[in-house]
Amino acid sequence: MADDFSFSIEKNLGIISEGKGGWNIELNLVSWGGRPSKYDIRSWSPDHQKMGKGSTFSKEELISLKNLLNQIEL
């Protein structure tokens, strides 16, 4: 069973942190397998051809995460 693992970074929203070897943790708007774009936080290689594990959020989920983070005292 072969799943469609294609992806397209529709918009780079920013770098959260810079890592070794040029790998960065980024917030991007990504379309996975041709589906509608979602907000995505994960590490990416400099050429965006390789990626690490990450988390993907709908707009509503990202708003909830933002509200939660705003409540945390750092």
PDB file of N, CA and C in Angstrom:
ATOM      1  N   MET A   1       0.851  -1.176   0.000  1.00  0.00           N
ATOM      2  CA  MET A   1       0.000   0.000   0.000  1.00  0.00           C
ATOM      3  C   MET A   1       0.893   1.235   0.000  1.00  0.00           C
ATOM      4  N   ALA A   2       0.846   1.997  -1.060  1.00  0.00           N
ATOM      5  CA  ALA A   2       1.690   3.187  -1.173  1.00  0.00           C
ATOM      6  C   ALA A   2       0.845   4.437  -0.936  1.00  0.00           C
ATOM      7  N   ASP A   3       1.206   5.189   0.077  1.00  0.00           N
ATOM      8  CA  ASP A   3       0.531   6.451   0.351  1.00  0.00           C
ATOM      9  C   ASP A   3       1.210   7.563  -0.438  1.00  0.00           C
ATOM     10  N   ASP A   4       0.441   8.581  -0.797  1.00  0.00           N
ATOM     11  CA  ASP A   4       0.990   9.747  -1.485  1.00  0.00           C
ATOM     12  C   ASP A   4       1.713  10.602  -0.459  1.00  0.00           C
ATOM     13  N   PHE A   5       3.037  10.611  -0.515  1.00  0.00           N
ATOM     14  CA  PHE A   5       3.826  11.365   0.459  1.00  0.00           C
ATOM     15  C   PHE A   5       4.334  12.685  -0.112  1.00  0.00           C
ATOM     16  N   SER A   6       3.686  13.181  -1.131  1.00  0.00           N
ATOM     17  CA  SER A   6       4.114  14.449  -1.689  1.00  0.00           C
ATOM     18  C   SER A   6       3.774  15.588  -0.738  1.00  0.00           C
ATOM     19  N   PHE A   7       4.556  16.635  -0.823  1.00  0.00           N
ATOM     20  CA  PHE A   7       4.296  17.810   0.003  1.00  0.00           C
ATOM     21  C   PHE A   7       4.734  19.055  -0.750  1.00  0.00           C
ATOM     22  N   SER A   8       4.138  20.171  -0.360  1.00  0.00           N
ATOM     23  CA  SER A   8       4.509  21.447  -0.947  1.00  0.00           C
ATOM     24  C   SER A   8       4.450  22.501   0.147  1.00  0.00           C
ATOM     25  N   ILE A   9       5.580  23.178   0.376  1.00  0.00           N
ATOM     26  CA  ILE A   9       5.592  24.279   1.342  1.00  0.00           C
ATOM     27  C   ILE A   9       4.981  25.483   0.624  1.00  0.00           C
ATOM     28  N   GLU A  10       3.759  25.814   0.997  1.00  0.00           N
ATOM     29  CA  GLU A  10       3.025  26.901   0.349  1.00  0.00           C
ATOM     30  C   GLU A  10       3.521  28.270   0.814  1.00  0.00           C
ATOM     31  N   LYS A  11       3.894  28.363   2.100  1.00  0.00           N
ATOM     32  CA  LYS A  11       4.375  29.638   2.627  1.00  0.00           C
ATOM     33  C   LYS A  11       5.242  29.383   3.854  1.00  0.00           C
ATOM     34  N   ASN A  12       6.422  29.983   3.875  1.00  0.00           N
ATOM     35  CA  ASN A  12       7.286  29.926   5.050  1.00  0.00           C
ATOM     36  C   ASN A  12       6.893  31.073   5.961  1.00  0.00           C
ATOM     37  N   LEU A  13       6.440  30.738   7.166  1.00  0.00           N
ATOM     38  CA  LEU A  13       5.967  31.757   8.105  1.00  0.00           C
ATOM     39  C   LEU A  13       7.048  32.207   9.080  1.00  0.00           C
ATOM     40  N   GLY A  14       8.132  31.427   9.194  1.00  0.00           N
ATOM     41  CA  GLY A  14       9.238  31.860  10.039  1.00  0.00           C
ATOM     42  C   GLY A  14      10.039  30.717  10.619  1.00  0.00           C
ATOM     43  N   ILE A  15      11.235  31.071  11.064  1.00  0.00           N
ATOM     44  CA  ILE A  15      12.145  30.117  11.703  1.00  0.00           C
ATOM     45  C   ILE A  15      12.000  30.265  13.213  1.00  0.00           C
ATOM     46  N   ILE A  16      11.747  29.150  13.888  1.00  0.00           N
ATOM     47  CA  ILE A  16      11.618  29.144  15.345  1.00  0.00           C
ATOM     48  C   ILE A  16      12.999  29.038  15.982  1.00  0.00           C
ATOM     49  N   SER A  17      13.839  28.157  15.432  1.00  0.00           N
ATOM     50  CA  SER A  17      15.212  28.050  15.920  1.00  0.00           C
ATOM     51  C   SER A  17      16.107  27.491  14.825  1.00  0.00           C
ATOM     52  N   GLU A  18      17.378  27.850  14.914  1.00  0.00           N
ATOM     53  CA  GLU A  18      18.371  27.385  13.951  1.00  0.00           C
ATOM     54  C   GLU A  18      19.197  26.283  14.603  1.00  0.00           C
ATOM     55  N   GLY A  19      19.386  25.201  13.859  1.00  0.00           N
ATOM     56  CA  GLY A  19      20.111  24.065  14.403  1.00  0.00           C
ATOM     57  C   GLY A  19      21.422  23.815  13.690  1.00  0.00           C
ATOM     58  N   LYS A  20      22.051  22.703  14.051  1.00  0.00           N
ATOM     59  CA  LYS A  20      23.328  22.320  13.461  1.00  0.00           C
ATOM     60  C   LYS A  20      23.150  21.918  12.003  1.00  0.00           C
ATOM     61  N   GLY A  21      24.150  22.177  11.216  1.00  0.00           N
ATOM     62  CA  GLY A  21      24.152  21.752   9.824  1.00  0.00           C
ATOM     63  C   GLY A  21      23.116  22.444   8.959  1.00  0.00           C
ATOM     64  N   GLY A  22      22.590  23.573   9.427  1.00  0.00           N
ATOM     65  CA  GLY A  22      21.629  24.316   8.632  1.00  0.00           C
ATOM     66  C   GLY A  22      20.184  23.889   8.816  1.00  0.00           C
ATOM     67  N   TRP A  23      19.953  22.827   9.602  1.00  0.00           N
ATOM     68  CA  TRP A  23      18.582  22.394   9.866  1.00  0.00           C
ATOM     69  C   TRP A  23      17.908  23.401  10.789  1.00  0.00           C
ATOM     70  N   ASN A  24      16.689  23.797  10.444  1.00  0.00           N
ATOM     71  CA  ASN A  24      15.944  24.767  11.236  1.00  0.00           C
ATOM     72  C   ASN A  24      14.579  24.213  11.619  1.00  0.00           C
ATOM     73  N   ILE A  25      14.098  24.592  12.789  1.00  0.00           N
ATOM     74  CA  ILE A  25      12.716  24.323  13.155  1.00  0.00           C
ATOM     75  C   ILE A  25      11.916  25.506  12.643  1.00  0.00           C
ATOM     76  N   GLU A  26      10.921  25.208  11.804  1.00  0.00           N
ATOM     77  CA  GLU A  26      10.186  26.259  11.103  1.00  0.00           C
ATOM     78  C   GLU A  26       8.683  26.105  11.284  1.00  0.00           C
ATOM     79  N   LEU A  27       7.990  27.229  11.141  1.00  0.00           N
ATOM     80  CA  LEU A  27       6.534  27.241  11.019  1.00  0.00           C
ATOM     81  C   LEU A  27       6.229  27.536   9.557  1.00  0.00           C
ATOM     82  N   ASN A  28       5.570  26.588   8.896  1.00  0.00           N
ATOM     83  CA  ASN A  28       5.243  26.716   7.480  1.00  0.00           C
ATOM     84  C   ASN A  28       3.782  26.367   7.252  1.00  0.00           C
ATOM     85  N   LEU A  29       3.267  26.802   6.141  1.00  0.00           N
ATOM     86  CA  LEU A  29       1.963  26.376   5.653  1.00  0.00           C
ATOM     87  C   LEU A  29       2.270  25.315   4.597  1.00  0.00           C
ATOM     88  N   VAL A  30       1.876  24.051   4.871  1.00  0.00           N
ATOM     89  CA  VAL A  30       2.283  22.931   4.027  1.00  0.00           C
ATOM     90  C   VAL A  30       1.058  22.163   3.531  1.00  0.00           C
ATOM     91  N   SER A  31       1.081  21.801   2.264  1.00  0.00           N
ATOM     92  CA  SER A  31       0.082  20.915   1.689  1.00  0.00           C
ATOM     93  C   SER A  31       0.695  19.519   1.634  1.00  0.00           C
ATOM     94  N   TRP A  32       0.058  18.561   2.298  1.00  0.00           N
ATOM     95  CA  TRP A  32       0.522  17.175   2.320  1.00  0.00           C
ATOM     96  C   TRP A  32      -0.353  16.351   1.386  1.00  0.00           C
ATOM     97  N   GLY A  33       0.262  15.676   0.422  1.00  0.00           N
ATOM     98  CA  GLY A  33      -0.474  14.787  -0.473  1.00  0.00           C
ATOM     99  C   GLY A  33      -1.546  15.495  -1.290  1.00  0.00           C
ATOM    100  N   GLY A  34      -1.333  16.766  -1.612  1.00  0.00           N
ATOM    101  CA  GLY A  34      -2.286  17.501  -2.416  1.00  0.00           C
ATOM    102  C   GLY A  34      -3.513  17.987  -1.668  1.00  0.00           C
ATOM    103  N   ARG A  35      -3.551  17.734  -0.356  1.00  0.00           N
ATOM    104  CA  ARG A  35      -4.689  18.189   0.450  1.00  0.00           C
ATOM    105  C   ARG A  35      -4.526  19.661   0.802  1.00  0.00           C
ATOM    106  N   PRO A  36      -5.589  20.294   1.322  1.00  0.00           N
ATOM    107  CA  PRO A  36      -5.484  21.706   1.703  1.00  0.00           C
ATOM    108  C   PRO A  36      -4.346  21.931   2.707  1.00  0.00           C
ATOM    109  N   SER A  37      -3.714  23.091   2.612  1.00  0.00           N
ATOM    110  CA  SER A  37      -2.568  23.432   3.459  1.00  0.00           C
ATOM    111  C   SER A  37      -2.954  23.487   4.918  1.00  0.00           C
ATOM    112  N   LYS A  38      -1.982  23.086   5.771  1.00  0.00           N
ATOM    113  CA  LYS A  38      -2.120  23.187   7.219  1.00  0.00           C
ATOM    114  C   LYS A  38      -0.861  23.831   7.770  1.00  0.00           C
ATOM    115  N   TYR A  39      -0.976  24.350   8.985  1.00  0.00           N
ATOM    116  CA  TYR A  39       0.177  24.936   9.668  1.00  0.00           C
ATOM    117  C   TYR A  39       1.025  23.799  10.207  1.00  0.00           C
ATOM    118  N   ASP A  40       2.334  23.913  10.039  1.00  0.00           N
ATOM    119  CA  ASP A  40       3.221  22.801  10.325  1.00  0.00           C
ATOM    120  C   ASP A  40       4.473  23.297  11.037  1.00  0.00           C
ATOM    121  N   ILE A  41       4.812  22.647  12.159  1.00  0.00           N
ATOM    122  CA  ILE A  41       6.041  22.956  12.897  1.00  0.00           C
ATOM    123  C   ILE A  41       6.905  21.707  12.870  1.00  0.00           C
ATOM    124  N   ARG A  42       8.094  21.820  12.290  1.00  0.00           N
ATOM    125  CA  ARG A  42       9.033  20.692  12.249  1.00  0.00           C
ATOM    126  C   ARG A  42      10.407  21.182  11.821  1.00  0.00           C
ATOM    127  N   SER A  43      11.397  20.299  11.928  1.00  0.00           N
ATOM    128  CA  SER A  43      12.744  20.641  11.469  1.00  0.00           C
ATOM    129  C   SER A  43      12.866  20.278   9.992  1.00  0.00           C
ATOM    130  N   TRP A  44      13.582  21.145   9.274  1.00  0.00           N
ATOM    131  CA  TRP A  44      13.794  20.977   7.835  1.00  0.00           C
ATOM    132  C   TRP A  44      15.272  21.117   7.514  1.00  0.00           C
ATOM    133  N   SER A  45      15.727  20.336   6.535  1.00  0.00           N
ATOM    134  CA  SER A  45      17.090  20.486   6.022  1.00  0.00           C
ATOM    135  C   SER A  45      17.162  21.811   5.253  1.00  0.00           C
ATOM    136  N   PRO A  46      18.375  22.301   4.991  1.00  0.00           N
ATOM    137  CA  PRO A  46      18.520  23.586   4.297  1.00  0.00           C
ATOM    138  C   PRO A  46      17.802  23.649   2.948  1.00  0.00           C
ATOM    139  N   ASP A  47      17.748  22.521   2.217  1.00  0.00           N
ATOM    140  CA  ASP A  47      17.103  22.520   0.894  1.00  0.00           C
ATOM    141  C   ASP A  47      15.622  22.119   0.946  1.00  0.00           C
ATOM    142  N   HIS A  48      15.101  21.894   2.137  1.00  0.00           N
ATOM    143  CA  HIS A  48      13.704  21.508   2.358  1.00  0.00           C
ATOM    144  C   HIS A  48      13.329  20.192   1.662  1.00  0.00           C
ATOM    145  N   GLN A  49      14.311  19.317   1.437  1.00  0.00           N
ATOM    146  CA  GLN A  49      14.022  18.014   0.843  1.00  0.00           C
ATOM    147  C   GLN A  49      13.905  16.924   1.914  1.00  0.00           C
ATOM    148  N   LYS A  50      14.484  17.177   3.093  1.00  0.00           N
ATOM    149  CA  LYS A  50      14.403  16.238   4.219  1.00  0.00           C
ATOM    150  C   LYS A  50      13.771  16.954   5.394  1.00  0.00           C
ATOM    151  N   MET A  51      13.080  16.172   6.228  1.00  0.00           N
ATOM    152  CA  MET A  51      12.397  16.759   7.375  1.00  0.00           C
ATOM    153  C   MET A  51      12.478  15.838   8.571  1.00  0.00           C
ATOM    154  N   GLY A  52      12.321  16.437   9.742  1.00  0.00           N
ATOM    155  CA  GLY A  52      12.237  15.667  10.969  1.00  0.00           C
ATOM    156  C   GLY A  52      10.776  15.512  11.368  1.00  0.00           C
ATOM    157  N   LYS A  53      10.584  14.891  12.523  1.00  0.00           N
ATOM    158  CA  LYS A  53       9.227  14.755  13.047  1.00  0.00           C
ATOM    159  C   LYS A  53       8.682  16.125  13.403  1.00  0.00           C
ATOM    160  N   GLY A  54       7.379  16.259  13.298  1.00  0.00           N
ATOM    161  CA  GLY A  54       6.779  17.542  13.591  1.00  0.00           C
ATOM    162  C   GLY A  54       5.318  17.412  13.946  1.00  0.00           C
ATOM    163  N   SER A  55       4.656  18.541  13.996  1.00  0.00           N
ATOM    164  CA  SER A  55       3.227  18.599  14.301  1.00  0.00           C
ATOM    165  C   SER A  55       2.536  19.485  13.281  1.00  0.00           C
ATOM    166  N   THR A  56       1.334  19.062  12.893  1.00  0.00           N
ATOM    167  CA  THR A  56       0.550  19.784  11.907  1.00  0.00           C
ATOM    168  C   THR A  56      -0.763  20.214  12.542  1.00  0.00           C
ATOM    169  N   PHE A  57      -1.183  21.453  12.255  1.00  0.00           N
ATOM    170  CA  PHE A  57      -2.355  22.035  12.892  1.00  0.00           C
ATOM    171  C   PHE A  57      -3.289  22.667  11.872  1.00  0.00           C
ATOM    172  N   SER A  58      -4.588  22.518  12.104  1.00  0.00           N
ATOM    173  CA  SER A  58      -5.562  23.296  11.344  1.00  0.00           C
ATOM    174  C   SER A  58      -5.501  24.731  11.861  1.00  0.00           C
ATOM    175  N   LYS A  59      -6.168  25.655  11.187  1.00  0.00           N
ATOM    176  CA  LYS A  59      -6.187  27.042  11.643  1.00  0.00           C
ATOM    177  C   LYS A  59      -6.782  27.132  13.047  1.00  0.00           C
ATOM    178  N   GLU A  60      -7.857  26.396  13.291  1.00  0.00           N
ATOM    179  CA  GLU A  60      -8.514  26.419  14.602  1.00  0.00           C
ATOM    180  C   GLU A  60      -7.592  25.872  15.696  1.00  0.00           C
ATOM    181  N   GLU A  61      -6.864  24.803  15.386  1.00  0.00           N
ATOM    182  CA  GLU A  61      -5.924  24.229  16.353  1.00  0.00           C
ATOM    183  C   GLU A  61      -4.786  25.188  16.644  1.00  0.00           C
ATOM    184  N   LEU A  62      -4.292  25.887  15.624  1.00  0.00           N
ATOM    185  CA  LEU A  62      -3.207  26.844  15.825  1.00  0.00           C
ATOM    186  C   LEU A  62      -3.678  28.017  16.680  1.00  0.00           C
ATOM    187  N   ILE A  63      -4.910  28.467  16.473  1.00  0.00           N
ATOM    188  CA  ILE A  63      -5.473  29.536  17.303  1.00  0.00           C
ATOM    189  C   ILE A  63      -5.564  29.072  18.754  1.00  0.00           C
ATOM    190  N   SER A  64      -6.003  27.841  18.987  1.00  0.00           N
ATOM    191  CA  SER A  64      -6.069  27.296  20.350  1.00  0.00           C
ATOM    192  C   SER A  64      -4.685  27.222  20.982  1.00  0.00           C
ATOM    193  N   LEU A  65      -3.685  26.787  20.199  1.00  0.00           N
ATOM    194  CA  LEU A  65      -2.312  26.723  20.703  1.00  0.00           C
ATOM    195  C   LEU A  65      -1.810  28.114  21.048  1.00  0.00           C
ATOM    196  N   LYS A  66      -2.083  29.077  20.192  1.00  0.00           N
ATOM    197  CA  LYS A  66      -1.662  30.460  20.458  1.00  0.00           C
ATOM    198  C   LYS A  66      -2.291  30.970  21.743  1.00  0.00           C
ATOM    199  N   ASN A  67      -3.576  30.733  21.930  1.00  0.00           N
ATOM    200  CA  ASN A  67      -4.249  31.166  23.157  1.00  0.00           C
ATOM    201  C   ASN A  67      -3.659  30.497  24.392  1.00  0.00           C
ATOM    202  N   LEU A  68      -3.352  29.210  24.277  1.00  0.00           N
ATOM    203  CA  LEU A  68      -2.740  28.486  25.385  1.00  0.00           C
ATOM    204  C   LEU A  68      -1.365  29.048  25.711  1.00  0.00           C
ATOM    205  N   LEU A  69      -0.547  29.292  24.696  1.00  0.00           N
ATOM    206  CA  LEU A  69       0.796  29.839  24.914  1.00  0.00           C
ATOM    207  C   LEU A  69       0.730  31.239  25.525  1.00  0.00           C
ATOM    208  N   ASN A  70      -0.268  32.036  25.143  1.00  0.00           N
ATOM    209  CA  ASN A  70      -0.419  33.375  25.700  1.00  0.00           C
ATOM    210  C   ASN A  70      -0.742  33.343  27.183  1.00  0.00           C
ATOM    211  N   GLN A  71      -1.304  32.224  27.670  1.00  0.00           N
ATOM    212  CA  GLN A  71      -1.665  32.106  29.087  1.00  0.00           C
ATOM    213  C   GLN A  71      -0.485  31.634  29.957  1.00  0.00           C
ATOM    214  N   ILE A  72       0.562  31.124  29.328  1.00  0.00           N
ATOM    215  CA  ILE A  72       1.702  30.611  30.077  1.00  0.00           C
ATOM    216  C   ILE A  72       2.636  31.750  30.460  1.00  0.00           C
ATOM    217  N   GLU A  73       2.995  31.792  31.729  1.00  0.00           N
ATOM    218  CA  GLU A  73       3.947  32.805  32.181  1.00  0.00           C
ATOM    219  C   GLU A  73       5.346  32.247  32.015  1.00  0.00           C
ATOM    220  N   LEU A  74       6.127  32.920  31.198  1.00  0.00           N
ATOM    221  CA  LEU A  74       7.507  32.473  30.927  1.00  0.00           C
ATOM    222  C   LEU A  74       8.510  33.363  31.628  1.00  0.00           C
TER     223      LEU A  74
END
